[in-house]
Amino acid sequence: MKTTLQKITMSVKNHYMSLPKGTYCQVTYVWISEDKESLRSKTKTLCKEPAGIKDIPEWFAVSTNITELTLVPVKMFRDPFSLDPNKLVLCEVLDYKQVPAETTLRSKCVEVMEKVEKFEPWFGMEQEYFLLDLDRKPYDWPPGCRFYTGSCCVGSEIIHGRDVATCHNLACLYAGIKICGYNPEAITSQWEFQIGPCLGIEMGDHLWMARYILHRVCEEFKVIATLDVQPVSGHLCPSGGHVNFSTKEMRSEGGLQYIEEAIKKLSRRHSHHLSVYDPHGGADNIRRLNSQTITSSFKEFSSAVAARDVSVRIPGQVFRSGHGYFEDRRPAANCDPYSVMIAMIETCLLGAADDDMEKNTNES
């Protein structure tokens, strides 16, 4: 529930939000920080509403080591906070030499997607997150409690944070993000939203902006949304970022054959994928993938039909129909979606070297 002070603050804010602005338009530039996990933003005033992304100029920012960066707008969304005609724009980051910063993989992901256009790759992601109070304790948990509820439960005694999740979903829909659902997860105050299906680079763009909107919504509710894979000690249901993937062949009649072939390729690059499925070279997934409570093993690749405790799952409906998609359950909640998509395309469609071959090449 909102405190009296929060209600007064909201009333004051609404007054200023209702002031006429003429033809001016506020554009909020959003970019990925150097840690490859957090986001940054700042707002520019334009004289009129941009008709498209080309009408939004480049801007400048400063990195954490005081190096100048160039922000290049690449994807425009409606602003669900200051409303039309204002915009949110996702930006590519260039360093002072005007080349993509080392911390961003979007430009590389675009190049990879261009190589496989004929396959029409679709991606979707199930983004799990955990709500914390401002003191970084589990949101609205009584002292000493550990609530394991099972996903999609209902009831005020076990479900906390529904207002946050609902407002986030509505804000994403307003913005034009391809959010296709949301639900409470297995632990009280743990939630999930789904992005997709999206063609190629689109999933990464929409997911990063959905994360930004989540953090902005949490500002309104004075809570924290963390993508840490295991933010609570003893938390038995760590947070993941399961990725659904398919190609035109997989979605067509007889596509199960192509799904199974792709999974075999993934099994031969298990170590490589885990090294890029979280922003710390696999360290987060070592904590998360422990073969307990619907997670697979970090050390061994596994796959099965309709199972949740495996590296890669073929949904039961896909198996029965003989075509569709598969789900890679290894990416961590704090993964960079561009990094995940690059790895999946290189392994499944571009014939990247197996782990053993790659190791031998690096050693020679």
Protein backbone atom coordinates (compact mmCIF):
# COMPACT_ATOMS: atom_id res chain seq x y z
CA MET A 1 0.00 0.00 0.00
CA LYS A 2 1.17 3.52 -0.74
CA THR A 3 2.07 5.73 2.22
CA THR A 4 0.46 9.14 2.71
CA LEU A 5 3.71 10.78 1.57
CA GLN A 6 3.74 8.69 -1.62
CA LYS A 7 0.14 9.68 -2.37
CA ILE A 8 0.97 13.37 -1.91
CA THR A 9 4.05 13.00 -4.11
CA MET A 10 1.95 11.35 -6.83
CA SER A 11 -0.62 14.16 -6.65
CA VAL A 12 2.10 16.79 -7.06
CA LYS A 13 3.67 14.86 -9.93
CA ASN A 14 0.32 14.60 -11.71
CA HIS A 15 0.00 18.40 -11.63
CA TYR A 16 3.28 18.89 -13.47
CA MET A 17 2.62 16.05 -15.89
CA SER A 18 -0.64 17.76 -16.93
CA LEU A 19 1.03 21.07 -17.84
CA PRO A 20 0.81 21.89 -21.60
CA LYS A 21 4.10 21.45 -23.47
CA GLY A 22 3.21 22.82 -26.88
CA THR A 23 4.89 20.95 -29.72
CA TYR A 24 7.89 19.90 -27.64
CA CYS A 25 8.72 16.21 -27.25
CA GLN A 26 10.84 14.56 -24.59
CA VAL A 27 13.00 11.66 -25.73
CA THR A 28 14.61 9.42 -23.12
CA TYR A 29 17.81 7.76 -24.35
CA VAL A 30 18.38 4.32 -22.82
CA TRP A 31 21.64 2.38 -23.07
CA ILE A 32 23.38 -0.64 -21.55
CA SER A 33 26.00 0.16 -18.93
CA GLU A 34 29.57 -1.10 -18.94
CA ASP A 35 28.72 -3.93 -16.57
CA LYS A 36 26.48 -5.46 -19.27
CA GLU A 37 23.68 -5.76 -16.71
CA SER A 38 22.38 -2.36 -15.62
CA LEU A 39 20.85 0.38 -17.73
CA ARG A 40 21.33 4.13 -17.92
CA SER A 41 19.17 6.91 -19.32
CA LYS A 42 18.89 10.65 -19.84
CA THR A 43 16.29 12.84 -21.52
CA LYS A 44 16.56 15.33 -24.39
CA THR A 45 13.92 17.84 -25.48
CA LEU A 46 13.14 17.99 -29.20
CA CYS A 47 11.16 20.76 -30.88
CA LYS A 48 8.62 18.31 -32.29
CA GLU A 49 7.63 14.67 -32.19
CA PRO A 50 10.01 12.47 -34.24
CA ALA A 51 8.35 10.60 -37.09
CA GLY A 52 10.93 7.83 -36.92
CA ILE A 53 14.26 6.79 -35.49
CA LYS A 54 16.17 8.88 -38.06
CA ASP A 55 14.62 12.05 -36.62
CA ILE A 56 16.29 11.45 -33.24
CA PRO A 57 19.85 12.83 -33.11
CA GLU A 58 22.88 11.15 -31.64
CA TRP A 59 23.84 12.31 -28.17
CA PHE A 60 26.74 11.99 -25.79
CA ALA A 61 27.34 10.38 -22.42
CA VAL A 62 30.28 9.64 -20.15
CA SER A 63 31.38 6.15 -19.13
CA THR A 64 32.32 5.18 -15.58
CA ASN A 65 35.99 5.81 -16.41
CA ILE A 66 35.13 9.32 -17.69
CA THR A 67 35.51 8.39 -21.36
CA GLU A 68 33.16 10.07 -23.83
CA LEU A 69 30.56 7.83 -25.46
CA THR A 70 28.25 8.43 -28.40
CA LEU A 71 24.64 7.30 -28.09
CA VAL A 72 23.17 6.21 -31.42
CA PRO A 73 19.36 5.68 -31.37
CA VAL A 74 18.42 2.30 -32.90
CA LYS A 75 14.89 1.53 -31.67
CA MET A 76 12.04 3.86 -30.71
CA PHE A 77 9.15 3.14 -28.33
CA ARG A 78 6.28 5.16 -26.89
CA ASP A 79 6.94 6.51 -23.41
CA PRO A 80 4.49 4.98 -20.89
CA PHE A 81 5.63 7.35 -18.12
CA SER A 82 5.32 10.80 -19.69
CA LEU A 83 2.93 9.52 -22.41
CA ASP A 84 2.51 10.60 -26.05
CA PRO A 85 4.12 12.25 -27.89
CA ASN A 86 7.18 11.48 -25.78
CA LYS A 87 9.49 8.58 -26.64
CA LEU A 88 11.91 6.03 -25.25
CA VAL A 89 14.83 5.14 -27.51
CA LEU A 90 17.23 2.24 -27.13
CA CYS A 91 20.74 3.28 -28.12
CA GLU A 92 23.83 1.63 -29.49
CA VAL A 93 26.99 2.85 -27.73
CA LEU A 94 30.11 3.94 -29.61
CA ASP A 95 33.44 4.72 -27.99
CA TYR A 96 35.52 7.83 -28.68
CA LYS A 97 36.88 6.19 -31.87
CA GLN A 98 33.28 5.82 -33.10
CA VAL A 99 33.32 2.03 -33.02
CA PRO A 100 30.90 -0.09 -30.94
CA ALA A 101 31.95 -0.13 -27.29
CA GLU A 102 33.38 -3.43 -26.05
CA THR A 103 30.56 -3.76 -23.55
CA THR A 104 27.78 -3.88 -26.15
CA LEU A 105 27.16 -6.78 -28.52
CA ARG A 106 24.20 -5.39 -30.43
CA SER A 107 26.14 -4.48 -33.58
CA LYS A 108 27.72 -7.94 -33.71
CA CYS A 109 24.30 -9.51 -33.20
CA VAL A 110 22.93 -7.50 -36.14
CA GLU A 111 25.76 -8.81 -38.35
CA VAL A 112 25.08 -12.40 -37.29
CA MET A 113 21.34 -12.06 -37.96
CA GLU A 114 21.99 -10.72 -41.45
CA LYS A 115 23.87 -13.93 -42.28
CA VAL A 116 20.86 -16.11 -41.42
CA GLU A 117 17.95 -14.07 -42.75
CA LYS A 118 16.82 -16.96 -44.97
CA PHE A 119 16.22 -19.11 -41.86
CA GLU A 120 13.82 -16.53 -40.37
CA PRO A 121 14.99 -17.12 -36.78
CA TRP A 122 12.42 -16.39 -34.07
CA PHE A 123 13.32 -15.79 -30.44
CA GLY A 124 11.35 -15.44 -27.25
CA MET A 125 12.51 -15.03 -23.68
CA GLU A 126 11.00 -15.80 -20.29
CA GLN A 127 12.50 -13.19 -17.98
CA GLU A 128 12.39 -14.07 -14.29
CA TYR A 129 13.08 -11.46 -11.61
CA PHE A 130 12.80 -11.04 -7.85
CA LEU A 131 11.33 -8.09 -5.94
CA LEU A 132 13.20 -6.66 -2.96
CA ASP A 133 12.45 -3.93 -0.45
CA LEU A 134 14.75 -0.90 -0.52
CA ASP A 135 16.84 -2.54 2.20
CA ARG A 136 17.35 -5.42 -0.27
CA LYS A 137 15.34 -7.91 1.74
CA PRO A 138 12.64 -9.99 -0.03
CA TYR A 139 9.67 -7.76 -0.79
CA ASP A 140 6.91 -7.97 1.83
CA TRP A 141 8.21 -11.15 3.46
CA PRO A 142 7.57 -11.54 7.21
CA PRO A 143 10.84 -12.03 9.17
CA GLY A 144 12.35 -15.50 8.86
CA CYS A 145 9.96 -16.73 6.16
CA ARG A 146 10.92 -18.77 3.09
CA PHE A 147 7.92 -19.07 0.86
CA TYR A 148 8.00 -21.77 -1.82
CA THR A 149 4.61 -21.54 -3.50
CA GLY A 150 4.91 -23.11 -6.94
CA SER A 151 4.34 -20.90 -9.99
CA CYS A 152 1.10 -19.15 -10.97
CA CYS A 153 -0.47 -19.24 -7.50
CA VAL A 154 -3.20 -16.88 -6.29
CA GLY A 155 -3.87 -15.40 -2.87
CA SER A 156 -2.66 -12.46 -0.78
CA GLU A 157 -0.99 -14.74 1.78
CA ILE A 158 1.53 -15.98 -0.79
CA ILE A 159 1.47 -13.55 -3.75
CA HIS A 160 3.26 -10.23 -3.26
CA GLY A 161 4.02 -7.68 -5.96
CA ARG A 162 1.16 -8.30 -8.37
CA ASP A 163 0.57 -4.55 -8.78
CA VAL A 164 4.18 -4.12 -9.89
CA ALA A 165 3.96 -6.96 -12.42
CA THR A 166 0.59 -5.81 -13.77
CA CYS A 167 1.67 -2.18 -14.17
CA HIS A 168 4.86 -3.33 -15.90
CA ASN A 169 2.86 -5.42 -18.36
CA LEU A 170 0.51 -2.52 -19.16
CA ALA A 171 3.39 -0.08 -19.53
CA CYS A 172 5.15 -2.43 -21.97
CA LEU A 173 1.98 -2.84 -24.03
CA TYR A 174 1.62 0.95 -24.23
CA ALA A 175 5.26 1.30 -25.29
CA GLY A 176 4.82 -1.19 -28.14
CA ILE A 177 6.97 -3.92 -26.63
CA LYS A 178 6.15 -7.47 -27.66
CA ILE A 179 5.32 -8.69 -24.18
CA CYS A 180 3.12 -11.76 -24.42
CA GLY A 181 2.43 -12.57 -20.79
CA TYR A 182 3.46 -12.55 -17.14
CA ASN A 183 2.96 -14.67 -14.02
CA PRO A 184 4.09 -15.19 -10.42
CA GLU A 185 6.94 -17.66 -10.13
CA ALA A 186 7.79 -20.41 -7.66
CA ILE A 187 8.89 -18.19 -4.75
CA THR A 188 6.83 -15.40 -3.19
CA SER A 189 7.92 -12.04 -4.70
CA GLN A 190 9.45 -13.80 -7.73
CA TRP A 191 7.85 -12.96 -11.09
CA GLU A 192 8.28 -13.61 -14.78
CA PHE A 193 7.34 -11.87 -18.01
CA GLN A 194 7.66 -13.18 -21.55
CA ILE A 195 8.89 -11.38 -24.67
CA GLY A 196 8.23 -12.65 -28.19
CA PRO A 197 8.07 -14.25 -30.55
CA CYS A 198 10.39 -11.79 -32.24
CA LEU A 199 12.31 -11.96 -35.51
CA GLY A 200 16.08 -11.78 -35.16
CA ILE A 201 17.56 -8.79 -33.32
CA GLU A 202 14.12 -7.61 -32.21
CA MET A 203 14.01 -9.83 -29.12
CA GLY A 204 17.13 -8.27 -27.64
CA ASP A 205 15.88 -4.73 -28.27
CA HIS A 206 12.47 -5.40 -26.76
CA LEU A 207 13.86 -7.28 -23.76
CA TRP A 208 16.32 -4.56 -22.80
CA MET A 209 13.62 -1.89 -23.01
CA ALA A 210 11.21 -4.10 -21.04
CA ARG A 211 13.88 -4.35 -18.33
CA TYR A 212 14.24 -0.56 -18.32
CA ILE A 213 10.49 -0.12 -17.95
CA LEU A 214 10.47 -2.67 -15.11
CA HIS A 215 13.04 -0.67 -13.17
CA ARG A 216 11.11 2.57 -13.80
CA VAL A 217 7.86 1.00 -12.59
CA CYS A 218 9.67 -0.22 -9.48
CA GLU A 219 10.79 3.35 -8.79
CA GLU A 220 7.11 4.29 -8.52
CA PHE A 221 6.44 1.50 -6.01
CA LYS A 222 9.70 2.05 -4.06
CA VAL A 223 10.86 -1.53 -4.60
CA ILE A 224 13.81 -3.13 -6.39
CA ALA A 225 13.64 -5.64 -9.24
CA THR A 226 16.80 -7.74 -9.19
CA LEU A 227 17.96 -10.07 -11.95
CA ASP A 228 20.50 -11.70 -9.65
CA VAL A 229 20.19 -15.44 -10.18
CA GLN A 230 20.01 -16.12 -6.45
CA PRO A 231 19.41 -12.91 -4.46
CA VAL A 232 18.29 -14.64 -1.24
CA SER A 233 20.46 -17.06 0.72
CA GLY A 234 18.91 -20.52 0.64
CA HIS A 235 16.60 -19.46 -2.20
CA LEU A 236 15.88 -22.77 -3.93
CA CYS A 237 14.33 -21.38 -7.12
CA PRO A 238 16.98 -19.23 -8.80
CA SER A 239 16.02 -16.81 -11.56
CA GLY A 240 16.64 -17.67 -15.20
CA GLY A 241 16.11 -16.22 -18.65
CA HIS A 242 14.86 -19.19 -20.67
CA VAL A 243 15.11 -18.61 -24.43
CA ASN A 244 12.76 -20.10 -27.02
CA PHE A 245 14.17 -20.52 -30.51
CA SER A 246 12.95 -21.69 -33.91
CA THR A 247 13.65 -21.36 -37.61
CA LYS A 248 11.31 -21.51 -40.58
CA GLU A 249 12.18 -25.20 -41.04
CA MET A 250 11.52 -26.01 -37.38
CA ARG A 251 8.11 -24.35 -37.53
CA SER A 252 7.13 -26.21 -40.71
CA GLU A 253 5.75 -29.74 -41.09
CA GLY A 254 8.39 -32.25 -40.05
CA GLY A 255 10.34 -29.55 -38.20
CA LEU A 256 11.07 -31.78 -35.21
CA GLN A 257 13.97 -33.26 -37.16
CA TYR A 258 15.62 -29.82 -37.40
CA ILE A 259 14.95 -29.17 -33.71
CA GLU A 260 16.69 -32.40 -32.72
CA GLU A 261 19.64 -31.62 -35.00
CA ALA A 262 20.04 -28.19 -33.41
CA ILE A 263 19.95 -29.69 -29.91
CA LYS A 264 22.74 -32.12 -30.84
CA LYS A 265 24.85 -29.16 -31.97
CA LEU A 266 24.12 -27.35 -28.69
CA SER A 267 25.21 -30.41 -26.71
CA ARG A 268 28.65 -30.23 -28.30
CA ARG A 269 29.17 -26.57 -27.27
CA HIS A 270 27.80 -26.72 -23.73
CA SER A 271 30.86 -25.09 -22.13
CA HIS A 272 30.95 -22.25 -24.63
CA HIS A 273 27.29 -21.42 -24.17
CA LEU A 274 27.56 -21.36 -20.39
CA SER A 275 30.48 -18.95 -20.68
CA VAL A 276 28.27 -16.40 -22.49
CA TYR A 277 24.91 -17.11 -20.84
CA ASP A 278 25.61 -14.77 -17.93
CA PRO A 279 27.67 -11.54 -17.81
CA HIS A 280 30.36 -13.06 -15.58
CA GLY A 281 31.69 -15.84 -17.79
CA GLY A 282 29.53 -18.57 -16.25
CA ALA A 283 30.05 -17.67 -12.57
CA ASP A 284 26.38 -16.82 -12.04
CA ASN A 285 25.19 -20.05 -13.63
CA ILE A 286 27.53 -22.07 -11.43
CA ARG A 287 25.44 -20.78 -8.51
CA ARG A 288 22.17 -21.36 -10.35
CA LEU A 289 22.46 -24.63 -12.31
CA ASN A 290 22.83 -27.08 -9.45
CA SER A 291 20.36 -29.83 -10.50
CA GLN A 292 18.00 -28.76 -7.70
CA THR A 293 14.44 -27.45 -8.02
CA ILE A 294 13.84 -27.51 -11.77
CA THR A 295 17.36 -26.61 -12.87
CA SER A 296 19.81 -28.69 -14.87
CA SER A 297 23.48 -29.39 -14.15
CA PHE A 298 26.15 -26.83 -14.98
CA LYS A 299 28.62 -29.62 -15.73
CA GLU A 300 26.54 -31.80 -18.04
CA PHE A 301 24.26 -31.08 -21.00
CA SER A 302 20.83 -32.70 -21.00
CA SER A 303 17.65 -32.55 -23.06
CA ALA A 304 14.21 -34.14 -22.92
CA VAL A 305 10.59 -33.76 -23.93
CA ALA A 306 8.30 -31.85 -21.54
CA ALA A 307 10.93 -31.81 -18.74
CA ARG A 308 12.00 -28.74 -16.76
CA ASP A 309 15.18 -30.02 -15.08
CA VAL A 310 17.18 -30.16 -18.32
CA SER A 311 19.46 -27.88 -20.32
CA VAL A 312 17.15 -27.86 -23.34
CA ARG A 313 13.47 -28.77 -23.41
CA ILE A 314 11.25 -29.80 -26.31
CA PRO A 315 7.72 -28.77 -25.26
CA GLY A 316 5.21 -31.63 -25.22
CA GLN A 317 2.95 -29.88 -27.72
CA VAL A 318 5.87 -29.49 -30.13
CA PHE A 319 6.75 -33.17 -29.83
CA ARG A 320 3.14 -34.20 -30.49
CA SER A 321 2.67 -31.92 -33.49
CA GLY A 322 6.10 -32.66 -34.97
CA HIS A 323 7.13 -29.02 -35.41
CA GLY A 324 7.58 -25.76 -33.48
CA TYR A 325 10.41 -24.57 -31.25
CA PHE A 326 12.72 -25.61 -28.40
CA GLU A 327 13.61 -23.93 -25.13
CA ASP A 328 17.18 -23.39 -23.91
CA ARG A 329 16.81 -23.18 -20.12
CA ARG A 330 20.46 -22.35 -19.37
CA PRO A 331 20.63 -18.54 -19.78
CA ALA A 332 20.70 -16.69 -16.45
CA ALA A 333 18.15 -14.00 -15.58
CA ASN A 334 20.85 -11.32 -15.95
CA CYS A 335 22.09 -12.56 -19.34
CA ASP A 336 22.72 -10.23 -22.24
CA PRO A 337 20.12 -11.40 -24.82
CA TYR A 338 22.38 -10.32 -27.69
CA SER A 339 25.14 -12.61 -26.40
CA VAL A 340 22.69 -15.51 -26.07
CA MET A 341 21.28 -15.03 -29.56
CA ILE A 342 24.74 -14.80 -31.13
CA ALA A 343 25.77 -18.08 -29.51
CA MET A 344 22.58 -19.88 -30.55
CA ILE A 345 22.82 -18.73 -34.17
CA GLU A 346 26.53 -19.54 -34.45
CA THR A 347 26.00 -23.03 -33.01
CA CYS A 348 22.71 -24.01 -34.62
CA LEU A 349 22.98 -22.33 -38.03
CA LEU A 350 26.57 -21.22 -38.75
CA GLY A 351 28.49 -24.39 -37.89
CA ALA A 352 30.63 -23.01 -35.04
CA ALA A 353 33.36 -25.35 -33.78
CA ASP A 354 32.55 -27.80 -30.98
CA ASP A 355 34.01 -27.17 -27.51
CA ASP A 356 36.83 -29.70 -27.92
CA MET A 357 37.82 -28.37 -31.35
CA GLU A 358 37.73 -24.77 -30.08
CA LYS A 359 39.90 -25.72 -27.07
CA ASN A 360 42.47 -27.44 -29.27
CA THR A 361 42.60 -24.46 -31.63
CA ASN A 362 43.19 -22.04 -28.74
CA GLU A 363 45.95 -24.23 -27.30
CA SER A 364 47.82 -24.64 -30.58
